[in-house]
PDB file of N, CA and C in Angstrom:
ATOM      1  N   GLY A   1     143.881  60.196-145.286  1.00  0.00           N
ATOM      2  CA  GLY A   1     142.719  60.675-146.035  1.00  0.00           C
ATOM      3  C   GLY A   1     142.488  59.821-147.248  1.00  0.00           C
ATOM      4  N   GLY A   2     141.659  60.256-148.055  1.00  0.00           N
ATOM      5  CA  GLY A   2     141.258  59.545-149.253  1.00  0.00           C
ATOM      6  C   GLY A   2     139.801  59.809-149.511  1.00  0.00           C
ATOM      7  N   VAL A   3     139.401  59.523-150.687  1.00  0.00           N
ATOM      8  CA  VAL A   3     138.009  59.755-151.071  1.00  0.00           C
ATOM      9  C   VAL A   3     137.184  58.554-150.626  1.00  0.00           C
ATOM     10  N   PRO A   4     136.047  58.798-149.971  1.00  0.00           N
ATOM     11  CA  PRO A   4     135.205  57.671-149.560  1.00  0.00           C
ATOM     12  C   PRO A   4     134.649  56.953-150.791  1.00  0.00           C
ATOM     13  N   ALA A   5     134.339  55.689-150.617  1.00  0.00           N
ATOM     14  CA  ALA A   5     133.765  54.916-151.718  1.00  0.00           C
ATOM     15  C   ALA A   5     132.439  55.536-152.132  1.00  0.00           C
ATOM     16  N   PRO A   6     132.142  55.525-153.429  1.00  0.00           N
ATOM     17  CA  PRO A   6     130.876  56.094-153.888  1.00  0.00           C
ATOM     18  C   PRO A   6     129.694  55.433-153.199  1.00  0.00           C
ATOM     19  N   LYS A   7     128.711  56.254-152.860  1.00  0.00           N
ATOM     20  CA  LYS A   7     127.514  55.740-152.196  1.00  0.00           C
ATOM     21  C   LYS A   7     126.527  55.285-153.254  1.00  0.00           C
ATOM     22  N   ARG A   8     126.598  54.016-153.601  1.00  0.00           N
ATOM     23  CA  ARG A   8     125.738  53.452-154.628  1.00  0.00           C
ATOM     24  C   ARG A   8     125.227  52.099-154.158  1.00  0.00           C
ATOM     25  N   THR A   9     124.105  51.705-154.717  1.00  0.00           N
ATOM     26  CA  THR A   9     123.556  50.393-154.405  1.00  0.00           C
ATOM     27  C   THR A   9     123.331  49.644-155.706  1.00  0.00           C
ATOM     28  N   SER A  10     123.429  48.341-155.653  1.00  0.00           N
ATOM     29  CA  SER A  10     123.253  47.534-156.852  1.00  0.00           C
ATOM     30  C   SER A  10     121.790  47.480-157.243  1.00  0.00           C
ATOM     31  N   ASN A  11     121.543  47.462-158.542  1.00  0.00           N
ATOM     32  CA  ASN A  11     120.171  47.287-159.009  1.00  0.00           C
ATOM     33  C   ASN A  11     120.006  45.947-159.721  1.00  0.00           C
ATOM     34  N   GLY A  12     120.973  45.071-159.551  1.00  0.00           N
ATOM     35  CA  GLY A  12     120.890  43.741-160.132  1.00  0.00           C
ATOM     36  C   GLY A  12     121.540  43.629-161.496  1.00  0.00           C
ATOM     37  N   ARG A  13     121.838  44.751-162.139  1.00  0.00           N
ATOM     38  CA  ARG A  13     122.494  44.717-163.444  1.00  0.00           C
ATOM     39  C   ARG A  13     123.987  44.901-163.238  1.00  0.00           C
ATOM     40  N   SER A  14     124.770  44.139-163.964  1.00  0.00           N
ATOM     41  CA  SER A  14     126.216  44.260-163.794  1.00  0.00           C
ATOM     42  C   SER A  14     126.698  45.580-164.381  1.00  0.00           C
ATOM     43  N   GLY A  15     127.635  46.217-163.676  1.00  0.00           N
ATOM     44  CA  GLY A  15     128.239  47.440-164.166  1.00  0.00           C
ATOM     45  C   GLY A  15     127.415  48.690-163.943  1.00  0.00           C
ATOM     46  N   LYS A  16     126.163  48.571-163.556  1.00  0.00           N
ATOM     47  CA  LYS A  16     125.315  49.750-163.353  1.00  0.00           C
ATOM     48  C   LYS A  16     124.798  49.741-161.925  1.00  0.00           C
ATOM     49  N   ARG A  17     124.935  50.864-161.272  1.00  0.00           N
ATOM     50  CA  ARG A  17     124.487  50.960-159.888  1.00  0.00           C
ATOM     51  C   ARG A  17     123.597  52.180-159.724  1.00  0.00           C
ATOM     52  N   ASN A  18     122.646  52.060-158.826  1.00  0.00           N
ATOM     53  CA  ASN A  18     121.783  53.195-158.507  1.00  0.00           C
ATOM     54  C   ASN A  18     122.455  54.042-157.440  1.00  0.00           C
ATOM     55  N   LEU A  19     122.176  55.331-157.473  1.00  0.00           N
ATOM     56  CA  LEU A  19     122.674  56.216-156.430  1.00  0.00           C
ATOM     57  C   LEU A  19     121.881  55.952-155.157  1.00  0.00           C
ATOM     58  N   SER A  20     122.499  56.164-154.021  1.00  0.00           N
ATOM     59  CA  SER A  20     121.811  55.941-152.753  1.00  0.00           C
ATOM     60  C   SER A  20     120.724  56.996-152.553  1.00  0.00           C
ATOM     61  N   ALA A  21     119.788  56.705-151.681  1.00  0.00           N
ATOM     62  CA  ALA A  21     118.711  57.645-151.377  1.00  0.00           C
ATOM     63  C   ALA A  21     119.285  58.944-150.820  1.00  0.00           C
ATOM     64  N   GLU A  22     120.364  58.842-150.034  1.00  0.00           N
ATOM     65  CA  GLU A  22     120.984  60.048-149.460  1.00  0.00           C
ATOM     66  C   GLU A  22     121.573  60.933-150.562  1.00  0.00           C
ATOM     67  N   THR A  23     122.231  60.300-151.536  1.00  0.00           N
ATOM     68  CA  THR A  23     122.817  61.043-152.653  1.00  0.00           C
ATOM     69  C   THR A  23     121.726  61.711-153.475  1.00  0.00           C
ATOM     70  N   VAL A  24     120.677  60.961-153.788  1.00  0.00           N
ATOM     71  CA  VAL A  24     119.565  61.511-154.575  1.00  0.00           C
ATOM     72  C   VAL A  24     118.931  62.678-153.826  1.00  0.00           C
ATOM     73  N   ALA A  25     118.806  62.570-152.511  1.00  0.00           N
ATOM     74  CA  ALA A  25     118.223  63.655-151.717  1.00  0.00           C
ATOM     75  C   ALA A  25     119.063  64.929-151.833  1.00  0.00           C
ATOM     76  N   VAL A  26     120.390  64.796-151.799  1.00  0.00           N
ATOM     77  CA  VAL A  26     121.291  65.948-151.930  1.00  0.00           C
ATOM     78  C   VAL A  26     121.121  66.576-153.318  1.00  0.00           C
ATOM     79  N   PHE A  27     121.139  65.743-154.356  1.00  0.00           N
ATOM     80  CA  PHE A  27     120.997  66.248-155.723  1.00  0.00           C
ATOM     81  C   PHE A  27     119.629  66.894-155.923  1.00  0.00           C
ATOM     82  N   LYS A  28     118.582  66.242-155.420  1.00  0.00           N
ATOM     83  CA  LYS A  28     117.218  66.759-155.595  1.00  0.00           C
ATOM     84  C   LYS A  28     117.055  68.094-154.878  1.00  0.00           C
ATOM     85  N   LYS A  29     117.629  68.217-153.686  1.00  0.00           N
ATOM     86  CA  LYS A  29     117.549  69.479-152.944  1.00  0.00           C
ATOM     87  C   LYS A  29     118.200  70.599-153.754  1.00  0.00           C
ATOM     88  N   TRP A  30     119.373  70.330-154.302  1.00  0.00           N
ATOM     89  CA  TRP A  30     120.047  71.346-155.124  1.00  0.00           C
ATOM     90  C   TRP A  30     119.184  71.679-156.339  1.00  0.00           C
ATOM     91  N   PHE A  31     118.674  70.649-157.013  1.00  0.00           N
ATOM     92  CA  PHE A  31     117.857  70.825-158.219  1.00  0.00           C
ATOM     93  C   PHE A  31     116.613  71.662-157.910  1.00  0.00           C
ATOM     94  N   ASP A  32     115.923  71.343-156.810  1.00  0.00           N
ATOM     95  CA  ASP A  32     114.703  72.066-156.430  1.00  0.00           C
ATOM     96  C   ASP A  32     114.985  73.516-156.055  1.00  0.00           C
ATOM     97  N   GLU A  33     116.195  73.784-155.550  1.00  0.00           N
ATOM     98  CA  GLU A  33     116.566  75.152-155.163  1.00  0.00           C
ATOM     99  C   GLU A  33     117.062  75.975-156.353  1.00  0.00           C
ATOM    100  N   HIS A  34     117.249  75.324-157.502  1.00  0.00           N
ATOM    101  CA  HIS A  34     117.785  76.016-158.676  1.00  0.00           C
ATOM    102  C   HIS A  34     116.915  75.761-159.909  1.00  0.00           C
ATOM    103  N   THR A  35     115.599  75.819-159.733  1.00  0.00           N
ATOM    104  CA  THR A  35     114.700  75.511-160.848  1.00  0.00           C
ATOM    105  C   THR A  35     114.820  76.529-161.982  1.00  0.00           C
ATOM    106  N   ASP A  36     115.244  77.757-161.652  1.00  0.00           N
ATOM    107  CA  ASP A  36     115.396  78.767-162.697  1.00  0.00           C
ATOM    108  C   ASP A  36     116.568  78.447-163.627  1.00  0.00           C
ATOM    109  N   TRP A  37     117.615  77.816-163.120  1.00  0.00           N
ATOM    110  CA  TRP A  37     118.788  77.427-163.920  1.00  0.00           C
ATOM    111  C   TRP A  37     119.382  76.168-163.295  1.00  0.00           C
ATOM    112  N   PRO A  38     118.829  74.979-163.658  1.00  0.00           N
ATOM    113  CA  PRO A  38     119.250  73.724-163.003  1.00  0.00           C
ATOM    114  C   PRO A  38     120.516  73.107-163.597  1.00  0.00           C
ATOM    115  N   TYR A  39     121.528  73.950-163.808  1.00  0.00           N
ATOM    116  CA  TYR A  39     122.796  73.495-164.368  1.00  0.00           C
ATOM    117  C   TYR A  39     123.910  73.836-163.385  1.00  0.00           C
ATOM    118  N   PRO A  40     124.335  72.884-162.561  1.00  0.00           N
ATOM    119  CA  PRO A  40     125.406  73.187-161.607  1.00  0.00           C
ATOM    120  C   PRO A  40     126.711  73.544-162.330  1.00  0.00           C
ATOM    121  N   SER A  41     127.381  74.565-161.820  1.00  0.00           N
ATOM    122  CA  SER A  41     128.684  74.942-162.369  1.00  0.00           C
ATOM    123  C   SER A  41     129.690  73.828-162.058  1.00  0.00           C
ATOM    124  N   GLU A  42     130.877  73.935-162.645  1.00  0.00           N
ATOM    125  CA  GLU A  42     131.905  72.929-162.356  1.00  0.00           C
ATOM    126  C   GLU A  42     132.234  72.917-160.870  1.00  0.00           C
ATOM    127  N   ALA A  43     132.285  74.107-160.255  1.00  0.00           N
ATOM    128  CA  ALA A  43     132.582  74.187-158.815  1.00  0.00           C
ATOM    129  C   ALA A  43     131.454  73.550-158.003  1.00  0.00           C
ATOM    130  N   GLU A  44     130.198  73.801-158.402  1.00  0.00           N
ATOM    131  CA  GLU A  44     129.060  73.201-157.690  1.00  0.00           C
ATOM    132  C   GLU A  44     129.049  71.685-157.881  1.00  0.00           C
ATOM    133  N   GLN A  45     129.350  71.233-159.094  1.00  0.00           N
ATOM    134  CA  GLN A  45     129.419  69.784-159.331  1.00  0.00           C
ATOM    135  C   GLN A  45     130.502  69.150-158.469  1.00  0.00           C
ATOM    136  N   GLN A  46     131.633  69.825-158.362  1.00  0.00           N
ATOM    137  CA  GLN A  46     132.735  69.313-157.531  1.00  0.00           C
ATOM    138  C   GLN A  46     132.301  69.222-156.071  1.00  0.00           C
ATOM    139  N   ALA A  47     131.621  70.275-155.581  1.00  0.00           N
ATOM    140  CA  ALA A  47     131.159  70.289-154.187  1.00  0.00           C
ATOM    141  C   ALA A  47     130.134  69.179-153.946  1.00  0.00           C
ATOM    142  N   LEU A  48     129.195  69.011-154.881  1.00  0.00           N
ATOM    143  CA  LEU A  48     128.183  67.950-154.747  1.00  0.00           C
ATOM    144  C   LEU A  48     128.846  66.579-154.780  1.00  0.00           C
ATOM    145  N   SER A  49     129.847  66.447-155.637  1.00  0.00           N
ATOM    146  CA  SER A  49     130.594  65.200-155.753  1.00  0.00           C
ATOM    147  C   SER A  49     131.295  64.858-154.441  1.00  0.00           C
ATOM    148  N   GLU A  50     131.955  65.860-153.869  1.00  0.00           N
ATOM    149  CA  GLU A  50     132.665  65.639-152.607  1.00  0.00           C
ATOM    150  C   GLU A  50     131.698  65.340-151.471  1.00  0.00           C
ATOM    151  N   GLU A  51     130.551  66.042-151.461  1.00  0.00           N
ATOM    152  CA  GLU A  51     129.565  65.838-150.393  1.00  0.00           C
ATOM    153  C   GLU A  51     128.969  64.435-150.433  1.00  0.00           C
ATOM    154  N   THR A  52     128.752  63.905-151.644  1.00  0.00           N
ATOM    155  CA  THR A  52     128.066  62.621-151.783  1.00  0.00           C
ATOM    156  C   THR A  52     129.003  61.435-151.996  1.00  0.00           C
ATOM    157  N   GLY A  53     130.257  61.697-152.403  1.00  0.00           N
ATOM    158  CA  GLY A  53     131.173  60.603-152.692  1.00  0.00           C
ATOM    159  C   GLY A  53     130.936  59.982-154.057  1.00  0.00           C
ATOM    160  N   VAL A  54     130.142  60.670-154.900  1.00  0.00           N
ATOM    161  CA  VAL A  54     129.843  60.175-156.249  1.00  0.00           C
ATOM    162  C   VAL A  54     130.709  60.942-157.226  1.00  0.00           C
ATOM    163  N   ASP A  55     131.247  60.278-158.246  1.00  0.00           N
ATOM    164  CA  ASP A  55     132.114  60.997-159.188  1.00  0.00           C
ATOM    165  C   ASP A  55     131.318  62.027-159.995  1.00  0.00           C
ATOM    166  N   ALA A  56     132.043  63.014-160.508  1.00  0.00           N
ATOM    167  CA  ALA A  56     131.419  64.149-161.196  1.00  0.00           C
ATOM    168  C   ALA A  56     130.613  63.700-162.412  1.00  0.00           C
ATOM    169  N   LYS A  57     131.074  62.669-163.099  1.00  0.00           N
ATOM    170  CA  LYS A  57     130.353  62.190-164.284  1.00  0.00           C
ATOM    171  C   LYS A  57     128.975  61.640-163.895  1.00  0.00           C
ATOM    172  N   ALA A  58     128.918  60.871-162.815  1.00  0.00           N
ATOM    173  CA  ALA A  58     127.643  60.311-162.352  1.00  0.00           C
ATOM    174  C   ALA A  58     126.712  61.437-161.884  1.00  0.00           C
ATOM    175  N   ALA A  59     127.277  62.438-161.207  1.00  0.00           N
ATOM    176  CA  ALA A  59     126.472  63.582-160.765  1.00  0.00           C
ATOM    177  C   ALA A  59     125.916  64.320-161.975  1.00  0.00           C
ATOM    178  N   ASN A  60     126.767  64.565-162.965  1.00  0.00           N
ATOM    179  CA  ASN A  60     126.344  65.261-164.177  1.00  0.00           C
ATOM    180  C   ASN A  60     125.227  64.490-164.883  1.00  0.00           C
ATOM    181  N   THR A  61     125.384  63.184-164.972  1.00  0.00           N
ATOM    182  CA  THR A  61     124.365  62.342-165.608  1.00  0.00           C
ATOM    183  C   THR A  61     123.037  62.435-164.863  1.00  0.00           C
ATOM    184  N   TRP A  62     123.077  62.458-163.521  1.00  0.00           N
ATOM    185  CA  TRP A  62     121.841  62.568-162.738  1.00  0.00           C
ATOM    186  C   TRP A  62     121.129  63.881-163.082  1.00  0.00           C
ATOM    187  N   PHE A  63     121.874  64.982-163.171  1.00  0.00           N
ATOM    188  CA  PHE A  63     121.254  66.281-163.469  1.00  0.00           C
ATOM    189  C   PHE A  63     120.712  66.328-164.898  1.00  0.00           C
ATOM    190  N   ILE A  64     121.407  65.721-165.849  1.00  0.00           N
ATOM    191  CA  ILE A  64     120.888  65.642-167.216  1.00  0.00           C
ATOM    192  C   ILE A  64     119.549  64.911-167.218  1.00  0.00           C
ATOM    193  N   ASN A  65     119.515  63.769-166.538  1.00  0.00           N
ATOM    194  CA  ASN A  65     118.283  62.971-166.489  1.00  0.00           C
ATOM    195  C   ASN A  65     117.174  63.690-165.727  1.00  0.00           C
ATOM    196  N   ALA A  66     117.525  64.403-164.656  1.00  0.00           N
ATOM    197  CA  ALA A  66     116.521  65.139-163.884  1.00  0.00           C
ATOM    198  C   ALA A  66     115.881  66.231-164.734  1.00  0.00           C
ATOM    199  N   ARG A  67     116.697  66.931-165.527  1.00  0.00           N
ATOM    200  CA  ARG A  67     116.138  67.965-166.414  1.00  0.00           C
ATOM    201  C   ARG A  67     115.209  67.339-167.456  1.00  0.00           C
ATOM    202  N   LYS A  68     115.586  66.174-167.984  1.00  0.00           N
ATOM    203  CA  LYS A  68     114.720  65.475-168.941  1.00  0.00           C
ATOM    204  C   LYS A  68     113.419  65.033-168.274  1.00  0.00           C
ATOM    205  N   ARG A  69     113.533  64.497-167.044  1.00  0.00           N
ATOM    206  CA  ARG A  69     112.332  64.054-166.325  1.00  0.00           C
ATOM    207  C   ARG A  69     111.389  65.225-166.111  1.00  0.00           C
ATOM    208  N   ARG A  70     111.946  66.380-165.693  1.00  0.00           N
ATOM    209  CA  ARG A  70     111.104  67.550-165.438  1.00  0.00           C
ATOM    210  C   ARG A  70     110.455  68.029-166.734  1.00  0.00           C
ATOM    211  N   LYS A  71     111.208  68.052-167.817  1.00  0.00           N
ATOM    212  CA  LYS A  71     110.673  68.495-169.109  1.00  0.00           C
ATOM    213  C   LYS A  71     109.527  67.580-169.547  1.00  0.00           C
ATOM    214  N   ASN A  72     109.723  66.264-169.407  1.00  0.00           N
ATOM    215  CA  ASN A  72     108.677  65.310-169.778  1.00  0.00           C
ATOM    216  C   ASN A  72     107.458  65.441-168.881  1.00  0.00           C
ATOM    217  N   LEU A  73     107.665  65.678-167.601  1.00  0.00           N
ATOM    218  CA  LEU A  73     106.553  65.853-166.674  1.00  0.00           C
ATOM    219  C   LEU A  73     105.780  67.123-167.023  1.00  0.00           C
ATOM    220  N   ASP A  74     106.499  68.199-167.345  1.00  0.00           N
ATOM    221  CA  ASP A  74     105.853  69.458-167.732  1.00  0.00           C
ATOM    222  C   ASP A  74     104.992  69.271-168.974  1.00  0.00           C
ATOM    223  N   LYS A  75     105.419  68.423-169.901  1.00  0.00           N
ATOM    224  CA  LYS A  75     104.645  68.169-171.121  1.00  0.00           C
ATOM    225  C   LYS A  75     103.370  67.389-170.811  1.00  0.00           C
ATOM    226  N   ARG A  76     103.464  66.442-169.881  1.00  0.00           N
ATOM    227  CA  ARG A  76     102.345  65.534-169.602  1.00  0.00           C
ATOM    228  C   ARG A  76     101.291  66.139-168.693  1.00  0.00           C
ATOM    229  N   ILE A  77     101.709  66.938-167.727  1.00  0.00           N
ATOM    230  CA  ILE A  77     100.771  67.423-166.718  1.00  0.00           C
ATOM    231  C   ILE A  77     100.538  68.908-166.878  1.00  0.00           C
ATOM    232  N   LYS A  78      99.281  69.259-167.086  1.00  0.00           N
ATOM    233  CA  LYS A  78      98.896  70.652-167.214  1.00  0.00           C
ATOM    234  C   LYS A  78      97.948  70.991-166.065  1.00  0.00           C
ATOM    235  N   PRO A  79      97.998  72.229-165.562  1.00  0.00           N
ATOM    236  CA  PRO A  79      97.086  72.601-164.480  1.00  0.00           C
ATOM    237  C   PRO A  79      95.636  72.312-164.865  1.00  0.00           C
ATOM    238  N   GLY A  80      94.912  71.725-163.925  1.00  0.00           N
ATOM    239  CA  GLY A  80      93.494  71.472-164.148  1.00  0.00           C
ATOM    240  C   GLY A  80      93.181  70.159-164.835  1.00  0.00           C
ATOM    241  N   ASP A  81      94.177  69.351-165.159  1.00  0.00           N
ATOM    242  CA  ASP A  81      93.854  68.090-165.828  1.00  0.00           C
ATOM    243  C   ASP A  81      93.496  66.988-164.837  1.00  0.00           C
ATOM    244  N   GLY A  82      93.545  67.310-163.536  1.00  0.00           N
ATOM    245  CA  GLY A  82      93.095  66.369-162.522  1.00  0.00           C
ATOM    246  C   GLY A  82      94.166  65.450-161.979  1.00  0.00           C
ATOM    247  N   ARG A  83      95.304  65.381-162.621  1.00  0.00           N
ATOM    248  CA  ARG A  83      96.345  64.487-162.133  1.00  0.00           C
ATOM    249  C   ARG A  83      97.214  65.144-161.083  1.00  0.00           C
ATOM    250  N   LEU A  84      97.454  66.438-161.246  1.00  0.00           N
ATOM    251  CA  LEU A  84      98.336  67.120-160.307  1.00  0.00           C
ATOM    252  C   LEU A  84      97.548  68.045-159.385  1.00  0.00           C
ATOM    253  N   PHE A  85      96.525  68.674-159.937  1.00  0.00           N
ATOM    254  CA  PHE A  85      95.750  69.646-159.179  1.00  0.00           C
ATOM    255  C   PHE A  85      94.312  69.142-159.089  1.00  0.00           C
ATOM    256  N   ARG A  86      93.896  68.742-157.917  1.00  0.00           N
ATOM    257  CA  ARG A  86      92.527  68.267-157.735  1.00  0.00           C
ATOM    258  C   ARG A  86      91.675  69.392-157.169  1.00  0.00           C
ATOM    259  N   LYS A  87      90.447  69.467-157.649  1.00  0.00           N
ATOM    260  CA  LYS A  87      89.530  70.495-157.157  1.00  0.00           C
ATOM    261  C   LYS A  87      89.011  70.087-155.784  1.00  0.00           C
ATOM    262  N   SER A  88      88.900  71.069-154.929  1.00  0.00           N
ATOM    263  CA  SER A  88      88.347  70.799-153.601  1.00  0.00           C
ATOM    264  C   SER A  88      86.832  70.665-153.717  1.00  0.00           C
ATOM    265  N   LYS A  89      86.226  70.124-152.698  1.00  0.00           N
ATOM    266  CA  LYS A  89      84.771  69.982-152.671  1.00  0.00           C
ATOM    267  C   LYS A  89      84.119  71.359-152.793  1.00  0.00           C
ATOM    268  N   ALA A  90      84.681  72.343-152.115  1.00  0.00           N
ATOM    269  CA  ALA A  90      84.138  73.714-152.164  1.00  0.00           C
ATOM    270  C   ALA A  90      84.217  74.274-153.591  1.00  0.00           C
ATOM    271  N   GLN A  91      85.326  74.032-154.293  1.00  0.00           N
ATOM    272  CA  GLN A  91      85.448  74.499-155.674  1.00  0.00           C
ATOM    273  C   GLN A  91      84.381  73.864-156.559  1.00  0.00           C
ATOM    274  N   LYS A  92      84.171  72.566-156.392  1.00  0.00           N
ATOM    275  CA  LYS A  92      83.171  71.862-157.192  1.00  0.00           C
ATOM    276  C   LYS A  92      81.779  72.406-156.908  1.00  0.00           C
ATOM    277  N   GLU A  93      81.486  72.696-155.625  1.00  0.00           N
ATOM    278  CA  GLU A  93      80.170  73.238-155.259  1.00  0.00           C
ATOM    279  C   GLU A  93      79.979  74.631-155.860  1.00  0.00           C
ATOM    280  N   ARG A  94      81.014  75.483-155.818  1.00  0.00           N
ATOM    281  CA  ARG A  94      80.912  76.823-156.420  1.00  0.00           C
ATOM    282  C   ARG A  94      80.647  76.727-157.915  1.00  0.00           C
ATOM    283  N   GLU A  95      81.383  75.837-158.597  1.00  0.00           N
ATOM    284  CA  GLU A  95      81.194  75.668-160.041  1.00  0.00           C
ATOM    285  C   GLU A  95      79.798  75.178-160.371  1.00  0.00           C
ATOM    286  N   ALA A  96      79.271  74.259-159.564  1.00  0.00           N
ATOM    287  CA  ALA A  96      77.920  73.739-159.781  1.00  0.00           C
ATOM    288  C   ALA A  96      76.895  74.847-159.580  1.00  0.00           C
ATOM    289  N   ALA A  97      77.116  75.672-158.554  1.00  0.00           N
ATOM    290  CA  ALA A  97      76.184  76.785-158.288  1.00  0.00           C
ATOM    291  C   ALA A  97      76.221  77.799-159.426  1.00  0.00           C
ATOM    292  N   LEU A  98      77.409  78.088-159.944  1.00  0.00           N
ATOM    293  CA  LEU A  98      77.519  79.030-161.062  1.00  0.00           C
ATOM    294  C   LEU A  98      76.868  78.484-162.330  1.00  0.00           C
ATOM    295  N   ALA A  99      77.030  77.184-162.555  1.00  0.00           N
ATOM    296  CA  ALA A  99      76.451  76.566-163.737  1.00  0.00           C
ATOM    297  C   ALA A  99      74.927  76.550-163.645  1.00  0.00           C
ATOM    298  N   ALA A 100      74.384  76.430-162.447  1.00  0.00           N
ATOM    299  CA  ALA A 100      72.934  76.370-162.250  1.00  0.00           C
ATOM    300  C   ALA A 100      72.306  77.769-162.219  1.00  0.00           C
ATOM    301  N   ALA A 101      73.110  78.794-162.003  1.00  0.00           N
ATOM    302  CA  ALA A 101      72.577  80.165-161.915  1.00  0.00           C
ATOM    303  C   ALA A 101      72.064  80.623-163.281  1.00  0.00           C
ATOM    304  N   PRO A 102      70.968  81.425-163.279  1.00  0.00           N
ATOM    305  CA  PRO A 102      70.384  81.895-164.548  1.00  0.00           C
ATOM    306  C   PRO A 102      71.281  82.851-165.306  1.00  0.00           C
TER     307      PRO A 102
END
């Protein structure tokens, strides 16, 4: 037995590696399923670490950054600003009809 080598890919910078797409998918799935409290317990971090072959520190760092990314995205995008939620043609037609009504 033994621990498999961490699943990481080089990004061209020495000493820093990106997590593999498979690892990110595992972390993202957990994150998306725990939006109410996106803080994995030590046991959950250990399980995610074992599942992906990434050390607990790297997993923890990914979750810290994911929470920051979500917080920044929440600040930038508000419902109805057109970037995330686009109005359908039918919605636009209803609004135009209401605006034209006496």
